[in-house]
Amino acid sequence: RKLLDYVRGKDEERYQSLIKRLGLRR
């Protein structure tokens, strides 16, 4: 759980970008 949070916080921007891209693509 801690590791996931760590990666999530570090790649939060990348993750959000991916979601945004998916939403736009959809």
C-alpha atoms as a PDB file:
ATOM      1  CA  ARG A   1       0.000   0.000   0.000  1.00  0.00           C
ATOM      2  CA  LYS A   2       2.791   2.392   0.884  1.00  0.00           C
ATOM      3  CA  LEU A   3       4.657   1.590  -2.293  1.00  0.00           C
ATOM      4  CA  LEU A   4       1.550   2.207  -4.368  1.00  0.00           C
ATOM      5  CA  ASP A   5       1.035   5.576  -2.724  1.00  0.00           C
ATOM      6  CA  TYR A   6       4.684   6.453  -3.325  1.00  0.00           C
ATOM      7  CA  VAL A   7       4.530   5.571  -7.012  1.00  0.00           C
ATOM      8  CA  ARG A   8       1.165   7.241  -7.342  1.00  0.00           C
ATOM      9  CA  GLY A   9       2.442  10.488  -5.870  1.00  0.00           C
ATOM     10  CA  LYS A  10       5.566  10.375  -8.016  1.00  0.00           C
ATOM     11  CA  ASP A  11       3.672   9.561 -11.215  1.00  0.00           C
ATOM     12  CA  GLU A  12       0.539  11.452 -10.286  1.00  0.00           C
ATOM     13  CA  GLU A  13       1.079  13.927 -13.112  1.00  0.00           C
ATOM     14  CA  ARG A  14       1.726  11.155 -15.612  1.00  0.00           C
ATOM     15  CA  TYR A  15      -1.292   9.232 -14.333  1.00  0.00           C
ATOM     16  CA  GLN A  16      -3.554  12.268 -14.643  1.00  0.00           C
ATOM     17  CA  SER A  17      -2.217  12.961 -18.119  1.00  0.00           C
ATOM     18  CA  LEU A  18      -3.040   9.410 -19.130  1.00  0.00           C
ATOM     19  CA  ILE A  19      -6.580   9.665 -17.775  1.00  0.00           C
ATOM     20  CA  LYS A  20      -7.046  12.999 -19.505  1.00  0.00           C
ATOM     21  CA  ARG A  21      -5.791  11.538 -22.765  1.00  0.00           C
ATOM     22  CA  LEU A  22      -8.121   8.556 -22.401  1.00  0.00           C
ATOM     23  CA  GLY A  23     -11.056  10.848 -21.673  1.00  0.00           C
ATOM     24  CA  LEU A  24     -10.266  13.012 -24.697  1.00  0.00           C
ATOM     25  CA  ARG A  25      -9.756   9.959 -26.859  1.00  0.00           C
ATOM     26  CA  ARG A  26     -13.062   8.555 -25.708  1.00  0.00           C
END
